[in-house]
């Protein structure tokens, strides 16, 4: 039993190493602007409870660069003068803004309406379009361009389940750290062994039929993992479980990518 436990520990260590490396994550007027200003402010308020030193009671005023009025935390525009503000130092603010814009009266969710996400993104693109700032000051042109980059990055991240899960972990103040294991999951020992076997099969496979079969099996497992992430984030609010499921999804996606390379 001691030897078996040692072998399992080695397998889990290898699994953690394989998944650890990853890329890390970019004066208008009118009804659309007003809506997104409300959305942005709401998003910032809803994330302040999980971030250090950002509570409404303790935060220092954030003055508008143009008129000096307090804009609140990470505002998109100033309510007083309508000028676009510099982006927040926290990239997660842009994620929060887009997530909140989909369903402002509901908690942030993993299971989101991708069509609504796209509509929200396109509306923000219009708000921050360079043509609206052709006669603006150089500072505001730069701020609007920086905000647009953040919105683009957030949209790209939220479209994909894996990066969306990473965003939600950031917003919960529990960013997925390198080296996180899947030990919080039921039957994780068997799962690890299965994944290592699949990886070997992928590397050894030399015919299309075998690779397609592996792709289908991995695809089914990805679907199960996505359902587990919906349950962890949206139903149970179990962040530790979500972090473990993210590791599983990351590893499955890498195997899927390897199969695509070989086909």
Protein backbone atom coordinates (compact mmCIF):
# COMPACT_ATOMS: atom_id res chain seq x y z
CA UNK A 1 0.00 0.00 0.00
CA UNK A 2 2.87 2.36 0.82
CA UNK A 3 4.45 1.66 -2.56
CA UNK A 4 1.12 2.23 -4.34
CA UNK A 5 0.66 5.54 -2.55
CA UNK A 6 4.16 6.60 -3.58
CA UNK A 7 3.42 5.74 -7.22
CA UNK A 8 0.18 7.72 -7.11
CA UNK A 9 2.01 10.71 -5.66
CA UNK A 10 4.50 10.55 -8.53
CA UNK A 11 1.68 10.39 -11.09
CA UNK A 12 -0.09 13.40 -9.56
CA UNK A 13 3.19 15.31 -9.46
CA UNK A 14 3.73 14.58 -13.14
CA UNK A 15 0.17 15.67 -13.91
CA UNK A 16 0.66 18.96 -12.06
CA UNK A 17 3.88 19.60 -13.97
CA UNK A 18 2.23 18.98 -17.31
CA UNK A 19 -0.57 21.46 -16.69
CA UNK A 20 1.39 24.13 -14.82
CA UNK A 21 2.78 26.08 -17.80
CA UNK A 22 0.19 28.30 -19.50
CA UNK A 23 -0.21 31.65 -21.13
CA UNK A 24 -1.61 34.35 -18.92
CA UNK A 25 -3.69 36.69 -19.83
CA UNK A 26 -6.90 43.57 -23.06
CA UNK A 27 -16.82 62.63 -24.22
CA UNK A 28 -19.25 59.81 -25.53
CA UNK A 29 -22.92 60.15 -24.69
CA UNK A 30 -26.14 58.19 -25.06
CA UNK A 31 -28.14 55.35 -23.56
CA UNK A 32 -25.50 52.69 -24.30
CA UNK A 33 -22.85 54.61 -22.42
CA UNK A 34 -25.16 55.18 -19.47
CA UNK A 35 -25.98 51.47 -19.27
CA UNK A 36 -22.36 50.39 -19.38
CA UNK A 37 -21.36 53.00 -16.84
CA UNK A 38 -23.97 51.54 -14.47
CA UNK A 39 -22.80 48.04 -15.30
CA UNK A 40 -19.15 48.90 -14.74
CA UNK A 41 -19.80 50.59 -11.40
CA UNK A 42 -21.95 47.65 -10.28
CA UNK A 43 -19.25 45.18 -11.27
CA UNK A 44 -16.62 47.06 -9.33
CA UNK A 45 -18.81 47.20 -6.23
CA UNK A 46 -19.56 43.49 -6.43
CA UNK A 47 -15.89 42.51 -6.65
CA UNK A 48 -14.62 44.85 -3.95
CA UNK A 49 -15.56 42.46 -1.13
CA UNK A 50 -13.10 39.83 -2.41
CA UNK A 51 -10.19 42.14 -3.22
CA UNK A 52 -7.90 43.63 -0.58
CA UNK A 53 -8.21 47.29 0.38
CA UNK A 54 -11.00 48.09 -2.07
CA UNK A 55 -14.08 48.41 0.12
CA UNK A 56 -16.25 51.46 -0.32
CA UNK A 57 -15.74 52.45 3.30
CA UNK A 58 -11.93 52.41 3.17
CA UNK A 59 -11.00 53.25 -0.41
CA UNK A 60 -9.45 56.59 -1.25
CA UNK A 61 -11.33 58.79 -3.73
CA UNK A 62 -10.48 58.20 -7.39
CA UNK A 63 -10.56 61.65 -8.99
CA UNK A 64 -11.36 62.15 -12.65
CA UNK A 65 -8.25 63.25 -14.54
CA UNK A 66 -10.28 66.04 -16.22
CA UNK A 67 -12.67 67.51 -13.63
CA UNK A 68 -11.40 66.09 -10.35
CA UNK A 69 -14.73 64.53 -9.30
CA UNK A 70 -14.62 61.14 -7.58
CA UNK A 71 -15.33 58.53 -10.24
CA UNK A 72 -15.55 55.49 -7.96
CA UNK A 73 -13.44 52.41 -8.34
CA UNK A 74 -12.26 51.68 -11.89
CA UNK A 75 -14.90 53.77 -13.67
CA UNK A 76 -15.15 53.60 -17.44
CA UNK A 77 -16.22 57.24 -17.71
CA UNK A 78 -16.71 60.12 -15.31
CA UNK A 79 -20.36 60.74 -14.45
CA UNK A 80 -19.70 64.46 -14.03
CA UNK A 81 -17.88 65.32 -17.29
CA UNK A 82 -18.27 62.19 -19.42
CA UNK A 83 -14.55 61.72 -20.04
CA UNK A 84 -13.14 58.21 -20.50
CA UNK A 85 -10.99 57.28 -17.53
CA UNK A 86 -7.64 55.46 -17.42
CA UNK A 87 -8.00 51.68 -17.08
CA UNK A 88 -7.83 50.17 -13.63
CA UNK A 89 -4.57 48.60 -12.51
CA UNK A 90 -6.51 45.37 -12.03
CA UNK A 91 -7.13 43.56 -15.37
CA UNK A 92 -9.95 41.58 -13.74
CA UNK A 93 -12.06 44.75 -13.71
CA UNK A 94 -12.65 44.44 -17.46
CA UNK A 95 -13.72 40.82 -17.00
CA UNK A 96 -16.10 41.88 -14.24
CA UNK A 97 -17.61 44.56 -16.44
CA UNK A 98 -18.40 42.16 -19.28
CA UNK A 99 -19.68 39.38 -17.03
CA UNK A 100 -21.89 41.80 -15.15
CA UNK A 101 -23.23 43.33 -18.36
CA UNK A 102 -24.74 39.98 -19.36
CA UNK A 103 -26.95 39.68 -16.28
CA UNK A 104 -26.45 42.65 -13.94
CA UNK A 105 -29.02 41.40 -11.41
CA UNK A 106 -27.48 37.93 -11.08
CA UNK A 107 -24.20 36.72 -9.57
CA UNK A 108 -21.30 36.13 -11.92
CA UNK A 109 -21.71 32.74 -13.52
CA UNK A 110 -19.68 30.21 -15.47
CA UNK A 111 -22.66 29.29 -17.62
CA UNK A 112 -23.17 32.49 -19.61
CA UNK A 113 -25.14 33.44 -22.70
CA UNK A 114 -22.45 33.77 -25.37
CA UNK A 115 -24.76 35.67 -27.71
CA UNK A 116 -25.47 38.23 -25.00
CA UNK A 117 -21.75 38.41 -24.28
CA UNK A 118 -21.10 39.24 -27.93
CA UNK A 119 -23.83 41.91 -27.95
CA UNK A 120 -22.38 43.50 -24.82
CA UNK A 121 -18.91 43.43 -26.33
CA UNK A 122 -20.05 45.07 -29.57
CA UNK A 123 -21.88 47.78 -27.65
CA UNK A 124 -18.73 48.57 -25.70
CA UNK A 125 -16.73 48.59 -28.92
CA UNK A 126 -19.04 51.31 -30.22
CA UNK A 127 -18.66 53.32 -27.01
CA UNK A 128 -14.87 53.17 -27.27
CA UNK A 129 -14.54 53.43 -31.07
CA UNK A 130 -11.60 55.68 -32.10
CA UNK A 131 -13.87 57.79 -34.35
CA UNK A 132 -15.62 59.09 -31.23
CA UNK A 133 -12.34 60.56 -30.00
CA UNK A 134 -10.98 62.17 -33.15
CA UNK A 135 -11.21 65.64 -31.57
CA UNK A 136 -10.50 64.53 -27.99
CA UNK A 137 -7.34 65.32 -26.08
CA UNK A 138 -4.33 63.08 -26.53
CA UNK A 139 -4.80 61.77 -22.99
CA UNK A 140 -8.37 60.70 -23.61
CA UNK A 141 -7.43 59.08 -26.93
CA UNK A 142 -4.86 57.01 -25.08
CA UNK A 143 -7.25 56.11 -22.27
CA UNK A 144 -9.98 55.04 -24.67
CA UNK A 145 -7.52 52.91 -26.65
CA UNK A 146 -6.29 51.26 -23.45
CA UNK A 147 -9.84 50.59 -22.26
CA UNK A 148 -10.67 49.09 -25.67
CA UNK A 149 -7.68 46.76 -25.41
CA UNK A 150 -8.84 45.62 -21.97
CA UNK A 151 -12.36 44.98 -23.26
CA UNK A 152 -11.00 43.01 -26.24
CA UNK A 153 -8.87 40.88 -23.93
CA UNK A 154 -11.76 40.27 -21.57
CA UNK A 155 -14.07 39.23 -24.41
CA UNK A 156 -11.47 36.83 -25.83
CA UNK A 157 -11.03 35.28 -22.38
CA UNK A 158 -14.72 34.99 -21.56
CA UNK A 159 -15.60 33.32 -24.87
CA UNK A 160 -13.62 30.21 -23.98
CA UNK A 161 -14.62 28.03 -21.00
CA UNK A 162 -11.09 27.50 -19.67
CA UNK A 163 -10.06 31.14 -19.68
CA UNK A 164 -13.56 32.11 -18.43
CA UNK A 165 -13.06 29.85 -15.43
CA UNK A 166 -9.69 31.49 -14.80
CA UNK A 167 -11.40 34.91 -14.92
CA UNK A 168 -14.02 33.83 -12.39
CA UNK A 169 -11.33 32.50 -10.06
CA UNK A 170 -9.59 35.89 -10.26
CA UNK A 171 -12.82 37.69 -9.48
CA UNK A 172 -13.35 35.40 -6.50
CA UNK A 173 -9.89 36.30 -5.22
CA UNK A 174 -8.71 32.73 -5.78
CA UNK A 175 -6.59 32.75 -8.91
CA UNK A 176 -5.62 29.25 -9.98
CA UNK A 177 -2.01 28.86 -8.89
CA UNK A 178 0.62 26.79 -10.60
CA UNK A 179 0.99 23.44 -8.90
CA UNK A 180 -2.67 23.12 -7.86
CA UNK A 181 -3.58 19.42 -7.85
CA UNK A 182 -6.86 17.63 -8.48
CA UNK A 183 -6.87 15.93 -5.08
CA UNK A 184 -10.13 17.70 -4.16
CA UNK A 185 -12.00 15.65 -6.77
CA UNK A 186 -13.70 12.31 -6.09
CA UNK A 187 -11.92 9.36 -7.71
CA UNK A 188 -9.00 11.59 -8.61
CA UNK A 189 -6.54 8.67 -8.39
CA UNK A 190 -8.31 6.72 -11.13
CA UNK A 191 -8.72 9.88 -13.16
CA UNK A 192 -5.01 10.61 -13.07
CA UNK A 193 -4.13 7.11 -14.18
CA UNK A 194 -6.66 7.30 -17.03
CA UNK A 195 -5.25 10.62 -18.24
CA UNK A 196 -1.69 9.33 -18.19
CA UNK A 197 -2.78 6.27 -20.20
CA UNK A 198 -4.55 8.49 -22.74
CA UNK A 199 -1.45 10.63 -23.07
CA UNK A 200 0.65 7.55 -23.82
CA UNK A 201 -1.93 6.30 -26.33
CA UNK A 202 -1.90 9.66 -28.10
CA UNK A 203 1.88 9.66 -28.42
CA UNK A 204 1.95 6.07 -29.63
CA UNK A 205 -0.99 6.36 -32.06
CA UNK A 206 -0.04 6.38 -35.73
CA UNK A 207 -3.40 5.96 -37.48
CA UNK A 208 -6.33 8.34 -37.85
CA UNK A 209 -8.95 5.92 -36.51
CA UNK A 210 -7.18 5.57 -33.17
CA UNK A 211 -6.66 9.32 -32.83
CA UNK A 212 -10.30 10.08 -33.68
CA UNK A 213 -11.44 7.57 -31.07
CA UNK A 214 -9.23 9.22 -28.46
CA UNK A 215 -10.48 12.64 -29.50
CA UNK A 216 -14.09 11.54 -28.98
CA UNK A 217 -13.33 10.07 -25.54
CA UNK A 218 -11.55 13.22 -24.47
CA UNK A 219 -14.38 15.34 -25.88
CA UNK A 220 -16.87 13.45 -23.72
CA UNK A 221 -14.68 14.01 -20.67
CA UNK A 222 -14.43 17.73 -21.46
CA UNK A 223 -18.23 17.92 -21.53
CA UNK A 224 -18.34 16.26 -18.10
CA UNK A 225 -15.73 18.69 -16.81
CA UNK A 226 -17.70 21.72 -18.07
CA UNK A 227 -20.80 20.45 -16.30
CA UNK A 228 -18.76 20.00 -13.12
CA UNK A 229 -17.50 23.59 -13.42
CA UNK A 230 -21.07 24.88 -13.79
CA UNK A 231 -21.97 22.99 -10.63
CA UNK A 232 -18.90 24.22 -8.72
CA UNK A 233 -19.24 27.88 -9.72
CA UNK A 234 -22.97 28.42 -10.20
CA UNK A 235 -24.63 25.96 -7.81
CA UNK A 236 -22.30 25.16 -4.94
CA UNK A 237 -19.95 28.13 -4.97
CA UNK A 238 -17.14 25.65 -4.27
CA UNK A 239 -14.00 27.51 -5.36
CA UNK A 240 -11.56 24.76 -4.35
CA UNK A 241 -13.52 22.26 -6.42
CA UNK A 242 -13.57 24.74 -9.31
CA UNK A 243 -9.79 25.18 -9.14
CA UNK A 244 -9.30 21.42 -9.33
CA UNK A 245 -11.74 21.09 -12.25
CA UNK A 246 -9.88 23.87 -14.07
CA UNK A 247 -6.71 21.79 -13.84
CA UNK A 248 -8.55 18.80 -15.30
CA UNK A 249 -9.95 20.90 -18.14
CA UNK A 250 -6.53 22.40 -18.86
CA UNK A 251 -4.96 18.97 -19.17
CA UNK A 252 -7.79 17.62 -21.33
CA UNK A 253 -7.52 20.60 -23.68
CA UNK A 254 -3.79 19.99 -24.06
CA UNK A 255 -4.40 16.38 -24.98
CA UNK A 256 -7.05 17.52 -27.44
CA UNK A 257 -4.61 19.97 -29.02
CA UNK A 258 -1.98 17.24 -29.31
CA UNK A 259 -4.43 15.01 -31.16
CA UNK A 260 -5.23 17.86 -33.57
CA UNK A 261 -1.52 18.27 -34.23
CA UNK A 262 -1.19 14.59 -35.13
CA UNK A 263 -4.30 14.31 -37.32
